[in-house]
Amino acid sequence: YRDNAKNAVNLDLDDLKPDDAGVYYCATVMPRRRPCPSLESDLL
């Protein structure tokens, strides 16, 4: 979800599992206002 007052996007993680461990990164989607593409094949 977005917190626009802080110019931020948050990610709430619940019921965390050992397999969830790792380094978490955020990134912008280009170009401006492009819809989110497929997570599995296109977002990266």
ModelCIF file with pLDDT and N, C-alpha, C, O atoms, coordinates in Angstrom:
data_MODEL
#
_entry.id   MODEL 
#
_entity.id                         1 
_entity.type                       polymer 
_entity.pdbx_number_of_molecules   1 
#
_entity_poly.entity_id                      1 
_entity_poly.type                           'polypeptide(L)' 
_entity_poly.nstd_linkage                   no 
_entity_poly.nstd_monomer                   no 
_entity_poly.pdbx_seq_one_letter_code       YRDNAKNAVNLDLDDLKPDDAGVYYCATVMPRRRPCPSLESDLL 
_entity_poly.pdbx_seq_one_letter_code_can   YRDNAKNAVNLDLDDLKPDDAGVYYCATVMPRRRPCPSLESDLL 
_entity_poly.pdbx_strand_id                 A 
#
loop_
_entity_poly_seq.entity_id 
_entity_poly_seq.num 
_entity_poly_seq.mon_id 
_entity_poly_seq.hetero 
1 1  TYR n 
1 2  ARG n 
1 3  ASP n 
1 4  ASN n 
1 5  ALA n 
1 6  LYS n 
1 7  ASN n 
1 8  ALA n 
1 9  VAL n 
1 10 ASN n 
1 11 LEU n 
1 12 ASP n 
1 13 LEU n 
1 14 ASP n 
1 15 ASP n 
1 16 LEU n 
1 17 LYS n 
1 18 PRO n 
1 19 ASP n 
1 20 ASP n 
1 21 ALA n 
1 22 GLY n 
1 23 VAL n 
1 24 TYR n 
1 25 TYR n 
1 26 CYS n 
1 27 ALA n 
1 28 THR n 
1 29 VAL n 
1 30 MET n 
1 31 PRO n 
1 32 ARG n 
1 33 ARG n 
1 34 ARG n 
1 35 PRO n 
1 36 CYS n 
1 37 PRO n 
1 38 SER n 
1 39 LEU n 
1 40 GLU n 
1 41 SER n 
1 42 ASP n 
1 43 LEU n 
1 44 LEU n 
#
_struct_asym.id          A 
_struct_asym.entity_id   1 
#
loop_
_ma_qa_metric.id 
_ma_qa_metric.mode 
_ma_qa_metric.name 
_ma_qa_metric.software_group_id 
_ma_qa_metric.type 
1 global pLDDT . pLDDT 
2 local  pLDDT . pLDDT 
#
_ma_qa_metric_global.metric_id      1 
_ma_qa_metric_global.metric_value   95.00 
_ma_qa_metric_global.model_id       1 
_ma_qa_metric_global.ordinal_id     1 
#
loop_
_ma_qa_metric_local.label_asym_id 
_ma_qa_metric_local.label_comp_id 
_ma_qa_metric_local.label_seq_id 
_ma_qa_metric_local.metric_id 
_ma_qa_metric_local.metric_value 
_ma_qa_metric_local.model_id 
_ma_qa_metric_local.ordinal_id 
A TYR 1  2 97.00 1 1  
A ARG 2  2 96.00 1 2  
A ASP 3  2 96.00 1 3  
A ASN 4  2 96.00 1 4  
A ALA 5  2 97.00 1 5  
A LYS 6  2 98.00 1 6  
A ASN 7  2 98.00 1 7  
A ALA 8  2 97.00 1 8  
A VAL 9  2 98.00 1 9  
A ASN 10 2 98.00 1 10 
A LEU 11 2 98.00 1 11 
A ASP 12 2 98.00 1 12 
A LEU 13 2 98.00 1 13 
A ASP 14 2 98.00 1 14 
A ASP 15 2 98.00 1 15 
A LEU 16 2 98.00 1 16 
A LYS 17 2 97.00 1 17 
A PRO 18 2 97.00 1 18 
A ASP 19 2 96.00 1 19 
A ASP 20 2 97.00 1 20 
A ALA 21 2 97.00 1 21 
A GLY 22 2 98.00 1 22 
A VAL 23 2 98.00 1 23 
A TYR 24 2 98.00 1 24 
A TYR 25 2 98.00 1 25 
A CYS 26 2 98.00 1 26 
A ALA 27 2 97.00 1 27 
A THR 28 2 97.00 1 28 
A VAL 29 2 96.00 1 29 
A MET 30 2 95.00 1 30 
A PRO 31 2 94.00 1 31 
A ARG 32 2 94.00 1 32 
A ARG 33 2 92.00 1 33 
A ARG 34 2 92.00 1 34 
A PRO 35 2 91.00 1 35 
A CYS 36 2 92.00 1 36 
A PRO 37 2 91.00 1 37 
A SER 38 2 90.00 1 38 
A LEU 39 2 91.00 1 39 
A GLU 40 2 88.00 1 40 
A SER 41 2 84.00 1 41 
A ASP 42 2 87.00 1 42 
A LEU 43 2 88.00 1 43 
A LEU 44 2 88.00 1 44 
#
loop_
_atom_site.group_PDB 
_atom_site.id 
_atom_site.type_symbol 
_atom_site.label_atom_id 
_atom_site.label_alt_id 
_atom_site.label_comp_id 
_atom_site.label_asym_id 
_atom_site.label_entity_id 
_atom_site.label_seq_id 
_atom_site.pdbx_PDB_ins_code 
_atom_site.Cartn_x 
_atom_site.Cartn_y 
_atom_site.Cartn_z 
_atom_site.occupancy 
_atom_site.B_iso_or_equiv 
_atom_site.pdbx_formal_charge 
_atom_site.auth_seq_id 
_atom_site.auth_comp_id 
_atom_site.auth_asym_id 
_atom_site.auth_atom_id 
_atom_site.pdbx_PDB_model_num 
ATOM 1   N N  . TYR A 1 1  ? 0.832  -1.185  0.000   1.00 97.00 ? 1  TYR A N  1 
ATOM 2   C CA . TYR A 1 1  ? 0.000  0.000   0.000   1.00 97.00 ? 1  TYR A CA 1 
ATOM 3   C C  . TYR A 1 1  ? 0.872  1.244   0.000   1.00 97.00 ? 1  TYR A C  1 
ATOM 4   O O  . TYR A 1 1  ? 2.050  1.200   0.355   1.00 97.00 ? 1  TYR A O  1 
ATOM 5   N N  . ARG A 1 2  ? 0.274  2.345   -0.403  1.00 96.00 ? 2  ARG A N  1 
ATOM 6   C CA . ARG A 1 2  ? 0.999  3.598   -0.498  1.00 96.00 ? 2  ARG A CA 1 
ATOM 7   C C  . ARG A 1 2  ? 0.777  4.477   0.722   1.00 96.00 ? 2  ARG A C  1 
ATOM 8   O O  . ARG A 1 2  ? -0.312 4.507   1.296   1.00 96.00 ? 2  ARG A O  1 
ATOM 9   N N  . ASP A 1 3  ? 1.811  5.181   1.103   1.00 96.00 ? 3  ASP A N  1 
ATOM 10  C CA . ASP A 1 3  ? 1.741  6.244   2.086   1.00 96.00 ? 3  ASP A CA 1 
ATOM 11  C C  . ASP A 1 3  ? 2.268  7.488   1.380   1.00 96.00 ? 3  ASP A C  1 
ATOM 12  O O  . ASP A 1 3  ? 3.443  7.836   1.497   1.00 96.00 ? 3  ASP A O  1 
ATOM 13  N N  . ASN A 1 4  ? 1.387  8.143   0.653   1.00 96.00 ? 4  ASN A N  1 
ATOM 14  C CA . ASN A 1 4  ? 1.822  9.235   -0.204  1.00 96.00 ? 4  ASN A CA 1 
ATOM 15  C C  . ASN A 1 4  ? 2.318  10.447  0.580   1.00 96.00 ? 4  ASN A C  1 
ATOM 16  O O  . ASN A 1 4  ? 3.136  11.216  0.075   1.00 96.00 ? 4  ASN A O  1 
ATOM 17  N N  . ALA A 1 5  ? 1.830  10.626  1.812   1.00 97.00 ? 5  ALA A N  1 
ATOM 18  C CA . ALA A 1 5  ? 2.319  11.721  2.642   1.00 97.00 ? 5  ALA A CA 1 
ATOM 19  C C  . ALA A 1 5  ? 3.804  11.584  2.925   1.00 97.00 ? 5  ALA A C  1 
ATOM 20  O O  . ALA A 1 5  ? 4.498  12.581  3.127   1.00 97.00 ? 5  ALA A O  1 
ATOM 21  N N  . LYS A 1 6  ? 4.291  10.351  2.939   1.00 98.00 ? 6  LYS A N  1 
ATOM 22  C CA . LYS A 1 6  ? 5.706  10.092  3.157   1.00 98.00 ? 6  LYS A CA 1 
ATOM 23  C C  . LYS A 1 6  ? 6.440  9.751   1.875   1.00 98.00 ? 6  LYS A C  1 
ATOM 24  O O  . LYS A 1 6  ? 7.614  9.382   1.909   1.00 98.00 ? 6  LYS A O  1 
ATOM 25  N N  . ASN A 1 7  ? 5.752  9.872   0.735   1.00 98.00 ? 7  ASN A N  1 
ATOM 26  C CA . ASN A 1 7  ? 6.340  9.525   -0.555  1.00 98.00 ? 7  ASN A CA 1 
ATOM 27  C C  . ASN A 1 7  ? 6.882  8.100   -0.512  1.00 98.00 ? 7  ASN A C  1 
ATOM 28  O O  . ASN A 1 7  ? 8.024  7.834   -0.888  1.00 98.00 ? 7  ASN A O  1 
ATOM 29  N N  . ALA A 1 8  ? 6.026  7.193   -0.041  1.00 97.00 ? 8  ALA A N  1 
ATOM 30  C CA . ALA A 1 8  ? 6.479  5.847   0.265   1.00 97.00 ? 8  ALA A CA 1 
ATOM 31  C C  . ALA A 1 8  ? 5.484  4.794   -0.193  1.00 97.00 ? 8  ALA A C  1 
ATOM 32  O O  . ALA A 1 8  ? 4.302  5.070   -0.400  1.00 97.00 ? 8  ALA A O  1 
ATOM 33  N N  . VAL A 1 9  ? 5.993  3.587   -0.345  1.00 98.00 ? 9  VAL A N  1 
ATOM 34  C CA . VAL A 1 9  ? 5.194  2.388   -0.518  1.00 98.00 ? 9  VAL A CA 1 
ATOM 35  C C  . VAL A 1 9  ? 5.639  1.397   0.541   1.00 98.00 ? 9  VAL A C  1 
ATOM 36  O O  . VAL A 1 9  ? 6.829  1.112   0.676   1.00 98.00 ? 9  VAL A O  1 
ATOM 37  N N  . ASN A 1 10 ? 4.683  0.873   1.289   1.00 98.00 ? 10 ASN A N  1 
ATOM 38  C CA . ASN A 1 10 ? 4.980  -0.074  2.349   1.00 98.00 ? 10 ASN A CA 1 
ATOM 39  C C  . ASN A 1 10 ? 4.605  -1.486  1.931   1.00 98.00 ? 10 ASN A C  1 
ATOM 40  O O  . ASN A 1 10 ? 3.786  -1.695  1.037   1.00 98.00 ? 10 ASN A O  1 
ATOM 41  N N  . LEU A 1 11 ? 5.219  -2.434  2.593   1.00 98.00 ? 11 LEU A N  1 
ATOM 42  C CA . LEU A 1 11 ? 4.901  -3.840  2.411   1.00 98.00 ? 11 LEU A CA 1 
ATOM 43  C C  . LEU A 1 11 ? 4.766  -4.468  3.785   1.00 98.00 ? 11 LEU A C  1 
ATOM 44  O O  . LEU A 1 11 ? 5.749  -4.593  4.515   1.00 98.00 ? 11 LEU A O  1 
ATOM 45  N N  . ASP A 1 12 ? 3.554  -4.864  4.139   1.00 98.00 ? 12 ASP A N  1 
ATOM 46  C CA . ASP A 1 12 ? 3.306  -5.559  5.393   1.00 98.00 ? 12 ASP A CA 1 
ATOM 47  C C  . ASP A 1 12 ? 3.468  -7.054  5.170   1.00 98.00 ? 12 ASP A C  1 
ATOM 48  O O  . ASP A 1 12 ? 2.822  -7.638  4.300   1.00 98.00 ? 12 ASP A O  1 
ATOM 49  N N  . LEU A 1 13 ? 4.326  -7.657  5.955   1.00 98.00 ? 13 LEU A N  1 
ATOM 50  C CA . LEU A 1 13 ? 4.589  -9.082  5.900   1.00 98.00 ? 13 LEU A CA 1 
ATOM 51  C C  . LEU A 1 13 ? 4.059  -9.725  7.168   1.00 98.00 ? 13 LEU A C  1 
ATOM 52  O O  . LEU A 1 13 ? 4.448  -9.344  8.272   1.00 98.00 ? 13 LEU A O  1 
ATOM 53  N N  . ASP A 1 14 ? 3.175  -10.694 7.015   1.00 98.00 ? 14 ASP A N  1 
ATOM 54  C CA . ASP A 1 14 ? 2.580  -11.395 8.144   1.00 98.00 ? 14 ASP A CA 1 
ATOM 55  C C  . ASP A 1 14 ? 2.856  -12.887 8.044   1.00 98.00 ? 14 ASP A C  1 
ATOM 56  O O  . ASP A 1 14 ? 3.120  -13.423 6.967   1.00 98.00 ? 14 ASP A O  1 
ATOM 57  N N  . ASP A 1 15 ? 2.787  -13.540 9.194   1.00 98.00 ? 15 ASP A N  1 
ATOM 58  C CA . ASP A 1 15 ? 2.984  -14.989 9.255   1.00 98.00 ? 15 ASP A CA 1 
ATOM 59  C C  . ASP A 1 15 ? 4.247  -15.386 8.488   1.00 98.00 ? 15 ASP A C  1 
ATOM 60  O O  . ASP A 1 15 ? 4.212  -16.251 7.612   1.00 98.00 ? 15 ASP A O  1 
ATOM 61  N N  . LEU A 1 16 ? 5.331  -14.757 8.825   1.00 98.00 ? 16 LEU A N  1 
ATOM 62  C CA . LEU A 1 16 ? 6.574  -14.975 8.094   1.00 98.00 ? 16 LEU A CA 1 
ATOM 63  C C  . LEU A 1 16 ? 7.102  -16.381 8.298   1.00 98.00 ? 16 LEU A C  1 
ATOM 64  O O  . LEU A 1 16 ? 7.006  -16.951 9.385   1.00 98.00 ? 16 LEU A O  1 
ATOM 65  N N  . LYS A 1 17 ? 7.651  -16.916 7.248   1.00 97.00 ? 17 LYS A N  1 
ATOM 66  C CA . LYS A 1 17 ? 8.199  -18.259 7.231   1.00 97.00 ? 17 LYS A CA 1 
ATOM 67  C C  . LYS A 1 17 ? 9.691  -18.186 6.942   1.00 97.00 ? 17 LYS A C  1 
ATOM 68  O O  . LYS A 1 17 ? 10.159 -17.214 6.350   1.00 97.00 ? 17 LYS A O  1 
ATOM 69  N N  . PRO A 1 18 ? 10.438 -19.201 7.351   1.00 97.00 ? 18 PRO A N  1 
ATOM 70  C CA . PRO A 1 18 ? 11.871 -19.185 7.036   1.00 97.00 ? 18 PRO A CA 1 
ATOM 71  C C  . PRO A 1 18 ? 12.161 -18.991 5.553   1.00 97.00 ? 18 PRO A C  1 
ATOM 72  O O  . PRO A 1 18 ? 13.168 -18.379 5.195   1.00 97.00 ? 18 PRO A O  1 
ATOM 73  N N  . ASP A 1 19 ? 11.298 -19.500 4.694   1.00 96.00 ? 19 ASP A N  1 
ATOM 74  C CA . ASP A 1 19 ? 11.500 -19.347 3.261   1.00 96.00 ? 19 ASP A CA 1 
ATOM 75  C C  . ASP A 1 19 ? 11.302 -17.915 2.781   1.00 96.00 ? 19 ASP A C  1 
ATOM 76  O O  . ASP A 1 19 ? 11.649 -17.593 1.645   1.00 96.00 ? 19 ASP A O  1 
ATOM 77  N N  . ASP A 1 20 ? 10.751 -17.053 3.627   1.00 97.00 ? 20 ASP A N  1 
ATOM 78  C CA . ASP A 1 20 ? 10.582 -15.653 3.268   1.00 97.00 ? 20 ASP A CA 1 
ATOM 79  C C  . ASP A 1 20 ? 11.845 -14.834 3.486   1.00 97.00 ? 20 ASP A C  1 
ATOM 80  O O  . ASP A 1 20 ? 11.903 -13.679 3.064   1.00 97.00 ? 20 ASP A O  1 
ATOM 81  N N  . ALA A 1 21 ? 12.836 -15.390 4.119   1.00 97.00 ? 21 ALA A N  1 
ATOM 82  C CA . ALA A 1 21 ? 14.039 -14.644 4.458   1.00 97.00 ? 21 ALA A CA 1 
ATOM 83  C C  . ALA A 1 21 ? 14.811 -14.237 3.212   1.00 97.00 ? 21 ALA A C  1 
ATOM 84  O O  . ALA A 1 21 ? 14.828 -14.955 2.212   1.00 97.00 ? 21 ALA A O  1 
ATOM 85  N N  . GLY A 1 22 ? 15.438 -13.097 3.287   1.00 98.00 ? 22 GLY A N  1 
ATOM 86  C CA . GLY A 1 22 ? 16.240 -12.599 2.190   1.00 98.00 ? 22 GLY A CA 1 
ATOM 87  C C  . GLY A 1 22 ? 16.352 -11.095 2.252   1.00 98.00 ? 22 GLY A C  1 
ATOM 88  O O  . GLY A 1 22 ? 15.880 -10.461 3.196   1.00 98.00 ? 22 GLY A O  1 
ATOM 89  N N  . VAL A 1 23 ? 16.969 -10.538 1.256   1.00 98.00 ? 23 VAL A N  1 
ATOM 90  C CA . VAL A 1 23 ? 17.059 -9.093  1.132   1.00 98.00 ? 23 VAL A CA 1 
ATOM 91  C C  . VAL A 1 23 ? 15.884 -8.615  0.290   1.00 98.00 ? 23 VAL A C  1 
ATOM 92  O O  . VAL A 1 23 ? 15.673 -9.088  -0.826  1.00 98.00 ? 23 VAL A O  1 
ATOM 93  N N  . TYR A 1 24 ? 15.132 -7.682  0.831   1.00 98.00 ? 24 TYR A N  1 
ATOM 94  C CA . TYR A 1 24 ? 13.958 -7.149  0.155   1.00 98.00 ? 24 TYR A CA 1 
ATOM 95  C C  . TYR A 1 24 ? 14.285 -5.797  -0.449  1.00 98.00 ? 24 TYR A C  1 
ATOM 96  O O  . TYR A 1 24 ? 14.849 -4.924  0.211   1.00 98.00 ? 24 TYR A O  1 
ATOM 97  N N  . TYR A 1 25 ? 13.925 -5.638  -1.711  1.00 98.00 ? 25 TYR A N  1 
ATOM 98  C CA . TYR A 1 25 ? 14.184 -4.427  -2.462  1.00 98.00 ? 25 TYR A CA 1 
ATOM 99  C C  . TYR A 1 25 ? 12.884 -3.844  -2.994  1.00 98.00 ? 25 TYR A C  1 
ATOM 100 O O  . TYR A 1 25 ? 11.944 -4.581  -3.290  1.00 98.00 ? 25 TYR A O  1 
ATOM 101 N N  . CYS A 1 26 ? 12.831 -2.538  -3.115  1.00 98.00 ? 26 CYS A N  1 
ATOM 102 C CA . CYS A 1 26 ? 11.758 -1.903  -3.864  1.00 98.00 ? 26 CYS A CA 1 
ATOM 103 C C  . CYS A 1 26 ? 12.330 -1.283  -5.127  1.00 98.00 ? 26 CYS A C  1 
ATOM 104 O O  . CYS A 1 26 ? 13.531 -1.036  -5.231  1.00 98.00 ? 26 CYS A O  1 
ATOM 105 N N  . ALA A 1 27 ? 11.444 -1.038  -6.083  1.00 97.00 ? 27 ALA A N  1 
ATOM 106 C CA . ALA A 1 27 ? 11.862 -0.486  -7.361  1.00 97.00 ? 27 ALA A CA 1 
ATOM 107 C C  . ALA A 1 27 ? 10.665 0.119   -8.074  1.00 97.00 ? 27 ALA A C  1 
ATOM 108 O O  . ALA A 1 27 ? 9.523  -0.283  -7.851  1.00 97.00 ? 27 ALA A O  1 
ATOM 109 N N  . THR A 1 28 ? 10.939 1.079   -8.924  1.00 97.00 ? 28 THR A N  1 
ATOM 110 C CA . THR A 1 28 ? 9.892  1.708   -9.719  1.00 97.00 ? 28 THR A CA 1 
ATOM 111 C C  . THR A 1 28 ? 9.685  0.968   -11.029 1.00 97.00 ? 28 THR A C  1 
ATOM 112 O O  . THR A 1 28 ? 10.604 0.361   -11.579 1.00 97.00 ? 28 THR A O  1 
ATOM 113 N N  . VAL A 1 29 ? 8.447  1.036   -11.514 1.00 96.00 ? 29 VAL A N  1 
ATOM 114 C CA . VAL A 1 29 ? 8.074  0.495   -12.806 1.00 96.00 ? 29 VAL A CA 1 
ATOM 115 C C  . VAL A 1 29 ? 8.141  1.615   -13.835 1.00 96.00 ? 29 VAL A C  1 
ATOM 116 O O  . VAL A 1 29 ? 7.598  2.699   -13.619 1.00 96.00 ? 29 VAL A O  1 
ATOM 117 N N  . MET A 1 30 ? 8.795  1.355   -14.932 1.00 95.00 ? 30 MET A N  1 
ATOM 118 C CA . MET A 1 30 ? 8.913  2.328   -16.011 1.00 95.00 ? 30 MET A CA 1 
ATOM 119 C C  . MET A 1 30 ? 8.094  1.892   -17.215 1.00 95.00 ? 30 MET A C  1 
ATOM 120 O O  . MET A 1 30 ? 7.930  0.693   -17.441 1.00 95.00 ? 30 MET A O  1 
ATOM 121 N N  . PRO A 1 31 ? 7.571  2.844   -17.999 1.00 94.00 ? 31 PRO A N  1 
ATOM 122 C CA . PRO A 1 31 ? 7.630  4.282   -17.757 1.00 94.00 ? 31 PRO A CA 1 
ATOM 123 C C  . PRO A 1 31 ? 6.590  4.743   -16.751 1.00 94.00 ? 31 PRO A C  1 
ATOM 124 O O  . PRO A 1 31 ? 5.854  3.930   -16.193 1.00 94.00 ? 31 PRO A O  1 
ATOM 125 N N  . ARG A 1 32 ? 6.530  6.022   -16.525 1.00 94.00 ? 32 ARG A N  1 
ATOM 126 C CA . ARG A 1 32 ? 5.584  6.609   -15.594 1.00 94.00 ? 32 ARG A CA 1 
ATOM 127 C C  . ARG A 1 32 ? 4.159  6.132   -15.855 1.00 94.00 ? 32 ARG A C  1 
ATOM 128 O O  . ARG A 1 32 ? 3.683  6.161   -16.990 1.00 94.00 ? 32 ARG A O  1 
ATOM 129 N N  . ARG A 1 33 ? 3.495  5.701   -14.808 1.00 92.00 ? 33 ARG A N  1 
ATOM 130 C CA . ARG A 1 33 ? 2.098  5.252   -14.795 1.00 92.00 ? 33 ARG A CA 1 
ATOM 131 C C  . ARG A 1 33 ? 1.854  3.956   -15.553 1.00 92.00 ? 33 ARG A C  1 
ATOM 132 O O  . ARG A 1 33 ? 0.706  3.615   -15.839 1.00 92.00 ? 33 ARG A O  1 
ATOM 133 N N  . ARG A 1 34 ? 2.891  3.247   -15.875 1.00 92.00 ? 34 ARG A N  1 
ATOM 134 C CA . ARG A 1 34 ? 2.709  1.938   -16.483 1.00 92.00 ? 34 ARG A CA 1 
ATOM 135 C C  . ARG A 1 34 ? 2.066  0.985   -15.484 1.00 92.00 ? 34 ARG A C  1 
ATOM 136 O O  . ARG A 1 34 ? 2.483  0.935   -14.327 1.00 92.00 ? 34 ARG A O  1 
ATOM 137 N N  . PRO A 1 35 ? 1.060  0.232   -15.908 1.00 91.00 ? 35 PRO A N  1 
ATOM 138 C CA . PRO A 1 35 ? 0.484  -0.754  -14.991 1.00 91.00 ? 35 PRO A CA 1 
ATOM 139 C C  . PRO A 1 35 ? 1.502  -1.818  -14.612 1.00 91.00 ? 35 PRO A C  1 
ATOM 140 O O  . PRO A 1 35 ? 2.454  -2.079  -15.347 1.00 91.00 ? 35 PRO A O  1 
ATOM 141 N N  . CYS A 1 36 ? 1.285  -2.424  -13.458 1.00 92.00 ? 36 CYS A N  1 
ATOM 142 C CA . CYS A 1 36 ? 2.163  -3.505  -13.044 1.00 92.00 ? 36 CYS A CA 1 
ATOM 143 C C  . CYS A 1 36 ? 2.041  -4.667  -14.019 1.00 92.00 ? 36 CYS A C  1 
ATOM 144 O O  . CYS A 1 36 ? 0.938  -5.157  -14.263 1.00 92.00 ? 36 CYS A O  1 
ATOM 145 N N  . PRO A 1 37 ? 3.151  -5.109  -14.575 1.00 91.00 ? 37 PRO A N  1 
ATOM 146 C CA . PRO A 1 37 ? 3.109  -6.285  -15.441 1.00 91.00 ? 37 PRO A CA 1 
ATOM 147 C C  . PRO A 1 37 ? 3.174  -7.562  -14.632 1.00 91.00 ? 37 PRO A C  1 
ATOM 148 O O  . PRO A 1 37 ? 3.181  -7.537  -13.401 1.00 91.00 ? 37 PRO A O  1 
ATOM 149 N N  . SER A 1 38 ? 3.221  -8.676  -15.337 1.00 90.00 ? 38 SER A N  1 
ATOM 150 C CA . SER A 1 38 ? 3.311  -9.975  -14.685 1.00 90.00 ? 38 SER A CA 1 
ATOM 151 C C  . SER A 1 38 ? 4.513  -10.033 -13.748 1.00 90.00 ? 38 SER A C  1 
ATOM 152 O O  . SER A 1 38 ? 5.631  -9.701  -14.141 1.00 90.00 ? 38 SER A O  1 
ATOM 153 N N  . LEU A 1 39 ? 4.278  -10.455 -12.512 1.00 91.00 ? 39 LEU A N  1 
ATOM 154 C CA . LEU A 1 39 ? 5.382  -10.595 -11.567 1.00 91.00 ? 39 LEU A CA 1 
ATOM 155 C C  . LEU A 1 39 ? 6.349  -11.679 -12.012 1.00 91.00 ? 39 LEU A C  1 
ATOM 156 O O  . LEU A 1 39 ? 7.562  -11.542 -11.855 1.00 91.00 ? 39 LEU A O  1 
ATOM 157 N N  . GLU A 1 40 ? 5.820  -12.736 -12.558 1.00 88.00 ? 40 GLU A N  1 
ATOM 158 C CA . GLU A 1 40 ? 6.629  -13.912 -12.863 1.00 88.00 ? 40 GLU A CA 1 
ATOM 159 C C  . GLU A 1 40 ? 7.522  -13.737 -14.071 1.00 88.00 ? 40 GLU A C  1 
ATOM 160 O O  . GLU A 1 40 ? 8.605  -14.321 -14.127 1.00 88.00 ? 40 GLU A O  1 
ATOM 161 N N  . SER A 1 41 ? 7.092  -12.943 -15.040 1.00 84.00 ? 41 SER A N  1 
ATOM 162 C CA . SER A 1 41 ? 7.815  -12.910 -16.303 1.00 84.00 ? 41 SER A CA 1 
ATOM 163 C C  . SER A 1 41 ? 8.272  -11.535 -16.761 1.00 84.00 ? 41 SER A C  1 
ATOM 164 O O  . SER A 1 41 ? 9.246  -11.442 -17.507 1.00 84.00 ? 41 SER A O  1 
ATOM 165 N N  . ASP A 1 42 ? 7.609  -10.465 -16.344 1.00 87.00 ? 42 ASP A N  1 
ATOM 166 C CA . ASP A 1 42 ? 7.841  -9.167  -16.965 1.00 87.00 ? 42 ASP A CA 1 
ATOM 167 C C  . ASP A 1 42 ? 8.328  -8.060  -16.035 1.00 87.00 ? 42 ASP A C  1 
ATOM 168 O O  . ASP A 1 42 ? 9.020  -7.150  -16.492 1.00 87.00 ? 42 ASP A O  1 
ATOM 169 N N  . LEU A 1 43 ? 7.994  -8.106  -14.760 1.00 88.00 ? 43 LEU A N  1 
ATOM 170 C CA . LEU A 1 43 ? 8.258  -6.960  -13.903 1.00 88.00 ? 43 LEU A CA 1 
ATOM 171 C C  . LEU A 1 43 ? 9.742  -6.619  -13.828 1.00 88.00 ? 43 LEU A C  1 
ATOM 172 O O  . LEU A 1 43 ? 10.106 -5.444  -13.875 1.00 88.00 ? 43 LEU A O  1 
ATOM 173 N N  . LEU A 1 44 ? 10.578 -7.600  -13.715 1.00 88.00 ? 44 LEU A N  1 
ATOM 174 C CA . LEU A 1 44 ? 12.011 -7.351  -13.607 1.00 88.00 ? 44 LEU A CA 1 
ATOM 175 C C  . LEU A 1 44 ? 12.603 -6.693  -14.842 1.00 88.00 ? 44 LEU A C  1 
ATOM 176 O O  . LEU A 1 44 ? 13.804 -6.427  -14.884 1.00 88.00 ? 44 LEU A O  1 
#
